[in-house]
PDB file of N, CA and C in Angstrom:
ATOM      1  N   UNK A   1      19.305 -15.413  18.427  1.00  0.00           N
ATOM      2  CA  UNK A   1      18.815 -14.410  17.540  1.00  0.00           C
ATOM      3  C   UNK A   1      17.555 -14.773  16.978  1.00  0.00           C
ATOM      4  N   UNK A   2      16.520 -13.775  16.840  1.00  0.00           N
ATOM      5  CA  UNK A   2      15.329 -14.280  16.170  1.00  0.00           C
ATOM      6  C   UNK A   2      15.550 -14.183  14.551  1.00  0.00           C
ATOM      7  N   UNK A   3      14.570 -14.682  13.957  1.00  0.00           N
ATOM      8  CA  UNK A   3      14.789 -14.838  12.450  1.00  0.00           C
ATOM      9  C   UNK A   3      15.164 -13.562  11.796  1.00  0.00           C
ATOM     10  N   UNK A   4      14.456 -12.439  12.016  1.00  0.00           N
ATOM     11  CA  UNK A   4      14.647 -11.213  11.230  1.00  0.00           C
ATOM     12  C   UNK A   4      16.097 -10.588  11.607  1.00  0.00           C
ATOM     13  N   UNK A   5      16.502 -10.736  12.868  1.00  0.00           N
ATOM     14  CA  UNK A   5      17.854 -10.260  13.140  1.00  0.00           C
ATOM     15  C   UNK A   5      18.891 -11.072  12.627  1.00  0.00           C
ATOM     16  N   UNK A   6      18.604 -12.468  12.669  1.00  0.00           N
ATOM     17  CA  UNK A   6      19.502 -13.511  12.013  1.00  0.00           C
ATOM     18  C   UNK A   6      19.800 -13.031  10.446  1.00  0.00           C
ATOM     19  N   UNK A   7      18.644 -12.815   9.866  1.00  0.00           N
ATOM     20  CA  UNK A   7      18.704 -12.468   8.456  1.00  0.00           C
ATOM     21  C   UNK A   7      19.531 -11.228   8.137  1.00  0.00           C
ATOM     22  N   UNK A   8      19.310 -10.215   9.041  1.00  0.00           N
ATOM     23  CA  UNK A   8      20.086  -9.014   9.102  1.00  0.00           C
ATOM     24  C   UNK A   8      21.595  -9.343   9.081  1.00  0.00           C
ATOM     25  N   UNK A   9      21.959 -10.183  10.104  1.00  0.00           N
ATOM     26  CA  UNK A   9      23.354 -10.548  10.374  1.00  0.00           C
ATOM     27  C   UNK A   9      23.964 -11.228   9.022  1.00  0.00           C
ATOM     28  N   UNK A  10      23.115 -12.066   8.534  1.00  0.00           N
ATOM     29  CA  UNK A  10      23.642 -12.768   7.304  1.00  0.00           C
ATOM     30  C   UNK A  10      23.886 -11.826   6.187  1.00  0.00           C
ATOM     31  N   UNK A  11      22.888 -10.932   5.906  1.00  0.00           N
ATOM     32  CA  UNK A  11      23.116 -10.030   4.775  1.00  0.00           C
ATOM     33  C   UNK A  11      24.314  -8.966   5.091  1.00  0.00           C
ATOM     34  N   UNK A  12      24.360  -8.479   6.302  1.00  0.00           N
ATOM     35  CA  UNK A  12      25.449  -7.728   6.654  1.00  0.00           C
ATOM     36  C   UNK A  12      26.866  -8.317   6.393  1.00  0.00           C
ATOM     37  N   UNK A  13      27.032  -9.569   6.940  1.00  0.00           N
ATOM     38  CA  UNK A  13      28.298 -10.286   6.643  1.00  0.00           C
ATOM     39  C   UNK A  13      28.586 -10.470   5.243  1.00  0.00           C
ATOM     40  N   UNK A  14      27.509 -10.857   4.420  1.00  0.00           N
ATOM     41  CA  UNK A  14      27.678 -11.054   3.041  1.00  0.00           C
ATOM     42  C   UNK A  14      28.066  -9.842   2.339  1.00  0.00           C
ATOM     43  N   UNK A  15      27.555  -8.669   2.825  1.00  0.00           N
ATOM     44  CA  UNK A  15      27.954  -7.452   2.197  1.00  0.00           C
ATOM     45  C   UNK A  15      29.287  -6.990   2.551  1.00  0.00           C
ATOM     46  N   UNK A  16      29.877  -7.505   3.646  1.00  0.00           N
ATOM     47  CA  UNK A  16      31.265  -7.031   4.019  1.00  0.00           C
ATOM     48  C   UNK A  16      32.352  -7.914   3.484  1.00  0.00           C
ATOM     49  N   UNK A  17      32.084  -9.138   3.147  1.00  0.00           N
ATOM     50  CA  UNK A  17      33.082 -10.084   2.789  1.00  0.00           C
ATOM     51  C   UNK A  17      34.042  -9.664   1.654  1.00  0.00           C
ATOM     52  N   UNK A  18      33.641  -8.846   0.819  1.00  0.00           N
ATOM     53  CA  UNK A  18      34.567  -8.250  -0.265  1.00  0.00           C
ATOM     54  C   UNK A  18      35.199  -6.948   0.176  1.00  0.00           C
ATOM     55  N   UNK A  19      34.882  -6.508   1.518  1.00  0.00           N
ATOM     56  CA  UNK A  19      35.384  -5.176   1.912  1.00  0.00           C
ATOM     57  C   UNK A  19      34.904  -3.995   1.173  1.00  0.00           C
ATOM     58  N   UNK A  20      33.753  -4.140   0.526  1.00  0.00           N
ATOM     59  CA  UNK A  20      33.164  -2.912  -0.154  1.00  0.00           C
ATOM     60  C   UNK A  20      31.708  -3.013   0.037  1.00  0.00           C
ATOM     61  N   UNK A  21      31.122  -1.956   0.495  1.00  0.00           N
ATOM     62  CA  UNK A  21      29.599  -1.876   0.439  1.00  0.00           C
ATOM     63  C   UNK A  21      29.253  -0.770  -0.492  1.00  0.00           C
ATOM     64  N   UNK A  22      28.467  -1.175  -1.462  1.00  0.00           N
ATOM     65  CA  UNK A  22      28.061  -0.145  -2.465  1.00  0.00           C
ATOM     66  C   UNK A  22      26.671   0.359  -2.010  1.00  0.00           C
ATOM     67  N   UNK A  23      26.177   1.547  -2.622  1.00  0.00           N
ATOM     68  CA  UNK A  23      24.981   2.020  -2.373  1.00  0.00           C
ATOM     69  C   UNK A  23      23.859   0.983  -2.735  1.00  0.00           C
ATOM     70  N   UNK A  24      24.046   0.231  -3.789  1.00  0.00           N
ATOM     71  CA  UNK A  24      23.114  -0.672  -4.250  1.00  0.00           C
ATOM     72  C   UNK A  24      22.889  -1.860  -3.232  1.00  0.00           C
ATOM     73  N   UNK A  25      24.116  -2.246  -2.597  1.00  0.00           N
ATOM     74  CA  UNK A  25      24.052  -3.217  -1.562  1.00  0.00           C
ATOM     75  C   UNK A  25      23.300  -2.739  -0.305  1.00  0.00           C
ATOM     76  N   UNK A  26      23.604  -1.474  -0.067  1.00  0.00           N
ATOM     77  CA  UNK A  26      22.925  -0.927   1.088  1.00  0.00           C
ATOM     78  C   UNK A  26      21.343  -0.940   0.904  1.00  0.00           C
ATOM     79  N   UNK A  27      20.906  -0.565  -0.412  1.00  0.00           N
ATOM     80  CA  UNK A  27      19.510  -0.595  -0.778  1.00  0.00           C
ATOM     81  C   UNK A  27      18.882  -1.862  -0.576  1.00  0.00           C
ATOM     82  N   UNK A  28      19.612  -3.034  -0.991  1.00  0.00           N
ATOM     83  CA  UNK A  28      19.021  -4.400  -0.755  1.00  0.00           C
ATOM     84  C   UNK A  28      18.759  -4.610   0.663  1.00  0.00           C
ATOM     85  N   UNK A  29      19.780  -4.257   1.537  1.00  0.00           N
ATOM     86  CA  UNK A  29      19.586  -4.538   3.007  1.00  0.00           C
ATOM     87  C   UNK A  29      18.415  -3.599   3.536  1.00  0.00           C
ATOM     88  N   UNK A  30      18.225  -2.292   3.058  1.00  0.00           N
ATOM     89  CA  UNK A  30      17.246  -1.505   3.464  1.00  0.00           C
ATOM     90  C   UNK A  30      15.827  -2.094   3.045  1.00  0.00           C
ATOM     91  N   UNK A  31      15.734  -2.692   1.881  1.00  0.00           N
ATOM     92  CA  UNK A  31      14.499  -3.322   1.352  1.00  0.00           C
ATOM     93  C   UNK A  31      14.188  -4.588   2.206  1.00  0.00           C
ATOM     94  N   UNK A  32      15.212  -5.277   2.621  1.00  0.00           N
ATOM     95  CA  UNK A  32      15.019  -6.487   3.581  1.00  0.00           C
ATOM     96  C   UNK A  32      14.358  -6.004   4.939  1.00  0.00           C
ATOM     97  N   UNK A  33      14.997  -4.904   5.474  1.00  0.00           N
ATOM     98  CA  UNK A  33      14.569  -4.353   6.764  1.00  0.00           C
ATOM     99  C   UNK A  33      13.075  -3.760   6.607  1.00  0.00           C
ATOM    100  N   UNK A  34      12.874  -3.156   5.483  1.00  0.00           N
ATOM    101  CA  UNK A  34      11.429  -2.590   5.268  1.00  0.00           C
ATOM    102  C   UNK A  34      10.403  -3.616   5.266  1.00  0.00           C
ATOM    103  N   UNK A  35      10.837  -4.761   4.702  1.00  0.00           N
ATOM    104  CA  UNK A  35       9.797  -5.828   4.635  1.00  0.00           C
ATOM    105  C   UNK A  35       9.641  -6.638   5.951  1.00  0.00           C
ATOM    106  N   UNK A  36      10.779  -6.752   6.586  1.00  0.00           N
ATOM    107  CA  UNK A  36      10.817  -7.540   7.845  1.00  0.00           C
ATOM    108  C   UNK A  36      10.339  -6.642   9.153  1.00  0.00           C
ATOM    109  N   UNK A  37      10.782  -5.354   9.149  1.00  0.00           N
ATOM    110  CA  UNK A  37      10.404  -4.491  10.245  1.00  0.00           C
ATOM    111  C   UNK A  37       9.520  -3.427   9.660  1.00  0.00           C
ATOM    112  N   UNK A  38       8.158  -3.614   9.661  1.00  0.00           N
ATOM    113  CA  UNK A  38       7.326  -2.592   9.151  1.00  0.00           C
ATOM    114  C   UNK A  38       7.267  -1.314   9.926  1.00  0.00           C
ATOM    115  N   UNK A  39       7.953  -1.261  11.010  1.00  0.00           N
ATOM    116  CA  UNK A  39       8.039  -0.089  11.891  1.00  0.00           C
ATOM    117  C   UNK A  39       9.554   0.133  12.143  1.00  0.00           C
ATOM    118  N   UNK A  40       9.818   1.420  12.431  1.00  0.00           N
ATOM    119  CA  UNK A  40      11.340   1.767  12.657  1.00  0.00           C
ATOM    120  C   UNK A  40      11.885   1.005  13.847  1.00  0.00           C
ATOM    121  N   UNK A  41      12.949   0.479  13.637  1.00  0.00           N
ATOM    122  CA  UNK A  41      13.753  -0.252  14.729  1.00  0.00           C
ATOM    123  C   UNK A  41      15.145   0.121  14.794  1.00  0.00           C
ATOM    124  N   UNK A  42      15.723   0.189  16.004  1.00  0.00           N
ATOM    125  CA  UNK A  42      17.071   0.483  16.185  1.00  0.00           C
ATOM    126  C   UNK A  42      17.974  -0.693  16.058  1.00  0.00           C
ATOM    127  N   UNK A  43      18.910  -0.718  15.189  1.00  0.00           N
ATOM    128  CA  UNK A  43      19.736  -1.762  14.911  1.00  0.00           C
ATOM    129  C   UNK A  43      21.203  -1.543  15.383  1.00  0.00           C
ATOM    130  N   UNK A  44      21.418  -0.362  16.230  1.00  0.00           N
ATOM    131  CA  UNK A  44      22.646  -0.091  16.649  1.00  0.00           C
ATOM    132  C   UNK A  44      23.397  -1.245  17.401  1.00  0.00           C
ATOM    133  N   UNK A  45      22.669  -1.852  18.284  1.00  0.00           N
ATOM    134  CA  UNK A  45      23.262  -3.000  19.034  1.00  0.00           C
ATOM    135  C   UNK A  45      23.655  -4.149  18.105  1.00  0.00           C
ATOM    136  N   UNK A  46      22.836  -4.431  17.053  1.00  0.00           N
ATOM    137  CA  UNK A  46      23.134  -5.509  16.140  1.00  0.00           C
ATOM    138  C   UNK A  46      24.480  -4.964  15.288  1.00  0.00           C
ATOM    139  N   UNK A  47      24.453  -3.792  14.963  1.00  0.00           N
ATOM    140  CA  UNK A  47      25.570  -3.328  14.157  1.00  0.00           C
ATOM    141  C   UNK A  47      26.883  -3.383  14.927  1.00  0.00           C
ATOM    142  N   UNK A  48      26.738  -3.273  16.313  1.00  0.00           N
ATOM    143  CA  UNK A  48      27.980  -3.243  17.090  1.00  0.00           C
ATOM    144  C   UNK A  48      28.476  -4.583  17.213  1.00  0.00           C
ATOM    145  N   UNK A  49      27.615  -5.552  17.351  1.00  0.00           N
ATOM    146  CA  UNK A  49      27.905  -7.016  17.379  1.00  0.00           C
ATOM    147  C   UNK A  49      28.747  -7.462  16.151  1.00  0.00           C
ATOM    148  N   UNK A  50      28.125  -7.025  15.001  1.00  0.00           N
ATOM    149  CA  UNK A  50      28.688  -7.406  13.650  1.00  0.00           C
ATOM    150  C   UNK A  50      30.023  -6.710  13.482  1.00  0.00           C
ATOM    151  N   UNK A  51      30.055  -5.467  13.882  1.00  0.00           N
ATOM    152  CA  UNK A  51      31.289  -4.745  13.610  1.00  0.00           C
ATOM    153  C   UNK A  51      32.464  -5.102  14.528  1.00  0.00           C
ATOM    154  N   UNK A  52      32.124  -5.707  15.626  1.00  0.00           N
ATOM    155  CA  UNK A  52      33.205  -6.252  16.635  1.00  0.00           C
ATOM    156  C   UNK A  52      33.823  -7.540  16.145  1.00  0.00           C
ATOM    157  N   UNK A  53      33.152  -8.215  15.211  1.00  0.00           N
ATOM    158  CA  UNK A  53      33.604  -9.514  14.658  1.00  0.00           C
ATOM    159  C   UNK A  53      34.923  -9.385  13.955  1.00  0.00           C
ATOM    160  N   UNK A  54      35.939 -10.263  14.304  1.00  0.00           N
ATOM    161  CA  UNK A  54      37.046 -10.255  13.493  1.00  0.00           C
ATOM    162  C   UNK A  54      36.823 -11.141  12.249  1.00  0.00           C
ATOM    163  N   UNK A  55      37.675 -10.761  11.234  1.00  0.00           N
ATOM    164  CA  UNK A  55      37.446 -11.567   9.950  1.00  0.00           C
ATOM    165  C   UNK A  55      37.357 -13.044  10.044  1.00  0.00           C
ATOM    166  N   UNK A  56      38.241 -13.571  10.977  1.00  0.00           N
ATOM    167  CA  UNK A  56      38.204 -14.972  11.110  1.00  0.00           C
ATOM    168  C   UNK A  56      36.968 -15.527  12.001  1.00  0.00           C
ATOM    169  N   UNK A  57      36.171 -14.559  12.413  1.00  0.00           N
ATOM    170  CA  UNK A  57      34.999 -15.116  13.234  1.00  0.00           C
ATOM    171  C   UNK A  57      33.712 -14.940  12.264  1.00  0.00           C
ATOM    172  N   UNK A  58      33.900 -14.267  11.157  1.00  0.00           N
ATOM    173  CA  UNK A  58      32.695 -14.034  10.237  1.00  0.00           C
ATOM    174  C   UNK A  58      32.065 -15.465   9.878  1.00  0.00           C
ATOM    175  N   UNK A  59      32.803 -16.362   9.418  1.00  0.00           N
ATOM    176  CA  UNK A  59      32.083 -17.552   9.007  1.00  0.00           C
ATOM    177  C   UNK A  59      31.362 -18.349  10.167  1.00  0.00           C
ATOM    178  N   UNK A  60      32.019 -18.282  11.364  1.00  0.00           N
ATOM    179  CA  UNK A  60      31.330 -19.083  12.361  1.00  0.00           C
ATOM    180  C   UNK A  60      29.949 -18.409  12.778  1.00  0.00           C
ATOM    181  N   UNK A  61      30.100 -16.981  12.760  1.00  0.00           N
ATOM    182  CA  UNK A  61      28.880 -16.169  13.088  1.00  0.00           C
ATOM    183  C   UNK A  61      27.820 -16.348  12.088  1.00  0.00           C
ATOM    184  N   UNK A  62      28.240 -16.470  10.860  1.00  0.00           N
ATOM    185  CA  UNK A  62      27.334 -16.568   9.657  1.00  0.00           C
ATOM    186  C   UNK A  62      26.574 -17.968   9.850  1.00  0.00           C
ATOM    187  N   UNK A  63      27.391 -18.973  10.296  1.00  0.00           N
ATOM    188  CA  UNK A  63      26.796 -20.291  10.544  1.00  0.00           C
ATOM    189  C   UNK A  63      25.682 -20.264  11.610  1.00  0.00           C
ATOM    190  N   UNK A  64      26.098 -19.475  12.739  1.00  0.00           N
ATOM    191  CA  UNK A  64      25.151 -19.307  13.710  1.00  0.00           C
ATOM    192  C   UNK A  64      23.821 -18.652  13.304  1.00  0.00           C
ATOM    193  N   UNK A  65      24.057 -17.573  12.569  1.00  0.00           N
ATOM    194  CA  UNK A  65      22.924 -16.796  11.976  1.00  0.00           C
ATOM    195  C   UNK A  65      22.050 -17.746  11.170  1.00  0.00           C
ATOM    196  N   UNK A  66      22.701 -18.473  10.295  1.00  0.00           N
ATOM    197  CA  UNK A  66      21.995 -19.408   9.412  1.00  0.00           C
ATOM    198  C   UNK A  66      21.149 -20.305  10.221  1.00  0.00           C
ATOM    199  N   UNK A  67      21.736 -20.948  11.226  1.00  0.00           N
ATOM    200  CA  UNK A  67      20.918 -21.871  12.064  1.00  0.00           C
ATOM    201  C   UNK A  67      19.832 -21.261  12.701  1.00  0.00           C
ATOM    202  N   UNK A  68      20.023 -20.055  13.297  1.00  0.00           N
ATOM    203  CA  UNK A  68      18.904 -19.431  14.004  1.00  0.00           C
ATOM    204  C   UNK A  68      17.849 -18.975  13.012  1.00  0.00           C
ATOM    205  N   UNK A  69      18.231 -18.508  11.881  1.00  0.00           N
ATOM    206  CA  UNK A  69      17.223 -18.148  10.916  1.00  0.00           C
ATOM    207  C   UNK A  69      16.333 -19.396  10.438  1.00  0.00           C
ATOM    208  N   UNK A  70      17.110 -20.457  10.086  1.00  0.00           N
ATOM    209  CA  UNK A  70      16.539 -21.686   9.718  1.00  0.00           C
ATOM    210  C   UNK A  70      15.497 -22.238  10.659  1.00  0.00           C
ATOM    211  N   UNK A  71      15.957 -22.220  12.009  1.00  0.00           N
ATOM    212  CA  UNK A  71      15.126 -22.725  13.168  1.00  0.00           C
ATOM    213  C   UNK A  71      13.713 -21.964  13.163  1.00  0.00           C
ATOM    214  N   UNK A  72      13.670 -20.708  12.803  1.00  0.00           N
ATOM    215  CA  UNK A  72      12.537 -19.845  12.988  1.00  0.00           C
ATOM    216  C   UNK A  72      11.666 -19.703  11.775  1.00  0.00           C
ATOM    217  N   UNK A  73      12.292 -20.053  10.584  1.00  0.00           N
ATOM    218  CA  UNK A  73      11.745 -19.662   9.297  1.00  0.00           C
ATOM    219  C   UNK A  73      11.013 -20.800   8.600  1.00  0.00           C
ATOM    220  N   UNK A  74      10.152 -20.373   7.838  1.00  0.00           N
ATOM    221  CA  UNK A  74       9.289 -21.413   6.897  1.00  0.00           C
ATOM    222  C   UNK A  74      10.326 -21.651   5.684  1.00  0.00           C
ATOM    223  N   UNK A  75       9.990 -22.625   4.929  1.00  0.00           N
ATOM    224  CA  UNK A  75      10.782 -22.792   3.606  1.00  0.00           C
ATOM    225  C   UNK A  75      10.658 -21.619   2.777  1.00  0.00           C
ATOM    226  N   UNK A  76       9.513 -21.013   2.802  1.00  0.00           N
ATOM    227  CA  UNK A  76       9.227 -19.855   1.783  1.00  0.00           C
ATOM    228  C   UNK A  76      10.102 -18.647   2.314  1.00  0.00           C
ATOM    229  N   UNK A  77      10.208 -18.498   3.757  1.00  0.00           N
ATOM    230  CA  UNK A  77      10.964 -17.301   4.193  1.00  0.00           C
ATOM    231  C   UNK A  77      12.440 -17.581   3.933  1.00  0.00           C
ATOM    232  N   UNK A  78      12.926 -18.812   4.009  1.00  0.00           N
ATOM    233  CA  UNK A  78      14.274 -19.144   3.664  1.00  0.00           C
ATOM    234  C   UNK A  78      14.554 -18.850   2.145  1.00  0.00           C
ATOM    235  N   UNK A  79      13.644 -19.165   1.272  1.00  0.00           N
ATOM    236  CA  UNK A  79      13.803 -18.859  -0.124  1.00  0.00           C
ATOM    237  C   UNK A  79      13.852 -17.371  -0.388  1.00  0.00           C
ATOM    238  N   UNK A  80      13.045 -16.644   0.394  1.00  0.00           N
ATOM    239  CA  UNK A  80      12.997 -15.204   0.266  1.00  0.00           C
ATOM    240  C   UNK A  80      14.375 -14.614   0.732  1.00  0.00           C
ATOM    241  N   UNK A  81      14.897 -15.100   1.809  1.00  0.00           N
ATOM    242  CA  UNK A  81      16.185 -14.594   2.227  1.00  0.00           C
ATOM    243  C   UNK A  81      17.238 -14.798   1.299  1.00  0.00           C
ATOM    244  N   UNK A  82      17.206 -16.026   0.747  1.00  0.00           N
ATOM    245  CA  UNK A  82      18.250 -16.485  -0.389  1.00  0.00           C
ATOM    246  C   UNK A  82      18.155 -15.493  -1.605  1.00  0.00           C
ATOM    247  N   UNK A  83      16.901 -15.044  -1.856  1.00  0.00           N
ATOM    248  CA  UNK A  83      16.723 -14.070  -2.982  1.00  0.00           C
ATOM    249  C   UNK A  83      17.290 -12.733  -2.557  1.00  0.00           C
ATOM    250  N   UNK A  84      17.260 -12.312  -1.363  1.00  0.00           N
ATOM    251  CA  UNK A  84      17.814 -11.047  -1.003  1.00  0.00           C
ATOM    252  C   UNK A  84      19.424 -11.185  -0.975  1.00  0.00           C
ATOM    253  N   UNK A  85      19.986 -12.395  -0.569  1.00  0.00           N
ATOM    254  CA  UNK A  85      21.339 -12.620  -0.550  1.00  0.00           C
ATOM    255  C   UNK A  85      21.839 -12.606  -2.004  1.00  0.00           C
ATOM    256  N   UNK A  86      21.124 -13.155  -2.884  1.00  0.00           N
ATOM    257  CA  UNK A  86      21.624 -13.154  -4.403  1.00  0.00           C
ATOM    258  C   UNK A  86      21.497 -11.687  -4.841  1.00  0.00           C
ATOM    259  N   UNK A  87      20.474 -10.898  -4.629  1.00  0.00           N
ATOM    260  CA  UNK A  87      20.374  -9.540  -5.082  1.00  0.00           C
ATOM    261  C   UNK A  87      21.567  -8.826  -4.487  1.00  0.00           C
ATOM    262  N   UNK A  88      21.876  -9.020  -3.271  1.00  0.00           N
ATOM    263  CA  UNK A  88      22.877  -8.303  -2.445  1.00  0.00           C
ATOM    264  C   UNK A  88      24.330  -8.567  -3.191  1.00  0.00           C
ATOM    265  N   UNK A  89      24.521  -9.949  -3.488  1.00  0.00           N
ATOM    266  CA  UNK A  89      25.834 -10.179  -4.193  1.00  0.00           C
ATOM    267  C   UNK A  89      26.007  -9.704  -5.514  1.00  0.00           C
ATOM    268  N   UNK A  90      24.754  -9.621  -6.263  1.00  0.00           N
ATOM    269  CA  UNK A  90      24.861  -9.139  -7.616  1.00  0.00           C
ATOM    270  C   UNK A  90      24.692  -7.611  -7.718  1.00  0.00           C
ATOM    271  N   UNK A  91      24.408  -6.887  -6.497  1.00  0.00           N
ATOM    272  CA  UNK A  91      24.171  -5.478  -6.653  1.00  0.00           C
ATOM    273  C   UNK A  91      25.144  -4.606  -7.201  1.00  0.00           C
ATOM    274  N   UNK A  92      26.435  -5.058  -7.141  1.00  0.00           N
ATOM    275  CA  UNK A  92      27.584  -4.265  -7.674  1.00  0.00           C
ATOM    276  C   UNK A  92      28.142  -4.894  -8.988  1.00  0.00           C
ATOM    277  N   UNK A  93      27.353  -5.787  -9.592  1.00  0.00           N
ATOM    278  CA  UNK A  93      27.579  -6.455 -10.865  1.00  0.00           C
ATOM    279  C   UNK A  93      28.824  -7.388 -10.816  1.00  0.00           C
ATOM    280  N   UNK A  94      29.295  -7.648  -9.676  1.00  0.00           N
ATOM    281  CA  UNK A  94      30.510  -8.596  -9.450  1.00  0.00           C
ATOM    282  C   UNK A  94      30.170  -9.377  -8.357  1.00  0.00           C
ATOM    283  N   UNK A  95      30.190 -10.739  -8.490  1.00  0.00           N
ATOM    284  CA  UNK A  95      30.136 -11.754  -7.367  1.00  0.00           C
ATOM    285  C   UNK A  95      31.501 -12.212  -7.130  1.00  0.00           C
ATOM    286  N   UNK A  96      32.088 -11.800  -5.940  1.00  0.00           N
ATOM    287  CA  UNK A  96      33.491 -12.079  -5.754  1.00  0.00           C
ATOM    288  C   UNK A  96      33.461 -13.563  -5.270  1.00  0.00           C
ATOM    289  N   UNK A  97      34.779 -14.109  -5.200  1.00  0.00           N
ATOM    290  CA  UNK A  97      35.013 -15.388  -4.637  1.00  0.00           C
ATOM    291  C   UNK A  97      34.423 -15.549  -3.179  1.00  0.00           C
ATOM    292  N   UNK A  98      34.686 -14.542  -2.473  1.00  0.00           N
ATOM    293  CA  UNK A  98      34.150 -14.518  -0.996  1.00  0.00           C
ATOM    294  C   UNK A  98      32.742 -14.554  -0.864  1.00  0.00           C
ATOM    295  N   UNK A  99      32.070 -13.680  -1.779  1.00  0.00           N
ATOM    296  CA  UNK A  99      30.597 -13.740  -1.685  1.00  0.00           C
ATOM    297  C   UNK A  99      29.988 -15.093  -2.211  1.00  0.00           C
ATOM    298  N   UNK A 100      30.632 -15.520  -3.194  1.00  0.00           N
ATOM    299  CA  UNK A 100      30.180 -16.826  -3.747  1.00  0.00           C
ATOM    300  C   UNK A 100      30.348 -17.967  -2.650  1.00  0.00           C
ATOM    301  N   UNK A 101      31.334 -17.962  -1.906  1.00  0.00           N
ATOM    302  CA  UNK A 101      31.547 -18.872  -0.791  1.00  0.00           C
ATOM    303  C   UNK A 101      30.426 -18.720   0.295  1.00  0.00           C
ATOM    304  N   UNK A 102      29.972 -17.574   0.548  1.00  0.00           N
ATOM    305  CA  UNK A 102      29.103 -17.382   1.625  1.00  0.00           C
ATOM    306  C   UNK A 102      27.618 -17.591   1.046  1.00  0.00           C
ATOM    307  N   UNK A 103      27.418 -17.428  -0.128  1.00  0.00           N
ATOM    308  CA  UNK A 103      26.143 -17.868  -0.778  1.00  0.00           C
ATOM    309  C   UNK A 103      25.986 -19.333  -1.026  1.00  0.00           C
ATOM    310  N   UNK A 104      27.118 -20.070  -1.198  1.00  0.00           N
ATOM    311  CA  UNK A 104      27.176 -21.510  -1.274  1.00  0.00           C
ATOM    312  C   UNK A 104      26.821 -22.068   0.126  1.00  0.00           C
ATOM    313  N   UNK A 105      27.340 -21.436   1.190  1.00  0.00           N
ATOM    314  CA  UNK A 105      26.975 -21.847   2.380  1.00  0.00           C
ATOM    315  C   UNK A 105      25.518 -21.937   2.930  1.00  0.00           C
ATOM    316  N   UNK A 106      24.881 -20.867   2.315  1.00  0.00           N
ATOM    317  CA  UNK A 106      23.297 -20.954   2.425  1.00  0.00           C
ATOM    318  C   UNK A 106      22.816 -22.156   1.571  1.00  0.00           C
ATOM    319  N   UNK A 107      23.146 -22.232   0.429  1.00  0.00           N
ATOM    320  CA  UNK A 107      22.586 -23.378  -0.403  1.00  0.00           C
ATOM    321  C   UNK A 107      22.925 -24.633   0.157  1.00  0.00           C
ATOM    322  N   UNK A 108      24.138 -24.861   0.459  1.00  0.00           N
ATOM    323  CA  UNK A 108      24.529 -26.241   1.081  1.00  0.00           C
ATOM    324  C   UNK A 108      23.881 -26.489   2.412  1.00  0.00           C
ATOM    325  N   UNK A 109      23.671 -25.539   3.222  1.00  0.00           N
ATOM    326  CA  UNK A 109      23.177 -25.889   4.612  1.00  0.00           C
ATOM    327  C   UNK A 109      21.479 -25.802   4.583  1.00  0.00           C
ATOM    328  N   UNK A 110      20.885 -25.259   3.465  1.00  0.00           N
ATOM    329  CA  UNK A 110      19.591 -25.148   3.634  1.00  0.00           C
ATOM    330  C   UNK A 110      19.093 -25.901   2.490  1.00  0.00           C
ATOM    331  N   UNK A 111      19.635 -27.100   2.125  1.00  0.00           N
ATOM    332  CA  UNK A 111      19.277 -28.049   0.955  1.00  0.00           C
ATOM    333  C   UNK A 111      17.722 -28.335   1.180  1.00  0.00           C
ATOM    334  N   UNK A 112      17.115 -28.744   0.075  1.00  0.00           N
ATOM    335  CA  UNK A 112      15.784 -29.150   0.182  1.00  0.00           C
ATOM    336  C   UNK A 112      14.707 -28.042   0.318  1.00  0.00           C
ATOM    337  N   UNK A 113      15.136 -26.840  -0.053  1.00  0.00           N
ATOM    338  CA  UNK A 113      14.228 -25.762   0.051  1.00  0.00           C
ATOM    339  C   UNK A 113      13.028 -26.037  -0.689  1.00  0.00           C
TER     340      UNK A 113
END
């Protein structure tokens, strides 16, 4: 996956781990896409990949997306994605245990930002 697609996968999985996607969470993802894709892009294939993951596959896919994003991103771009992830987790005013776990994966694996 390229950096932008990997970021999309990270945010989509993070938004799904509590089994609720609110309008505010959707808006955070839309803002990410607007910044990363200044032109209209079809993400149907990416959504199909994500939607076919079983719950027990989410974390391994999240790790793969983290690695792919990390490999292509600058430290500043990683910080920016973490800001989107934090906004996403806080969008519904509740950070669940599952969201916290996935956020911590980013912080733990991208140490030294």
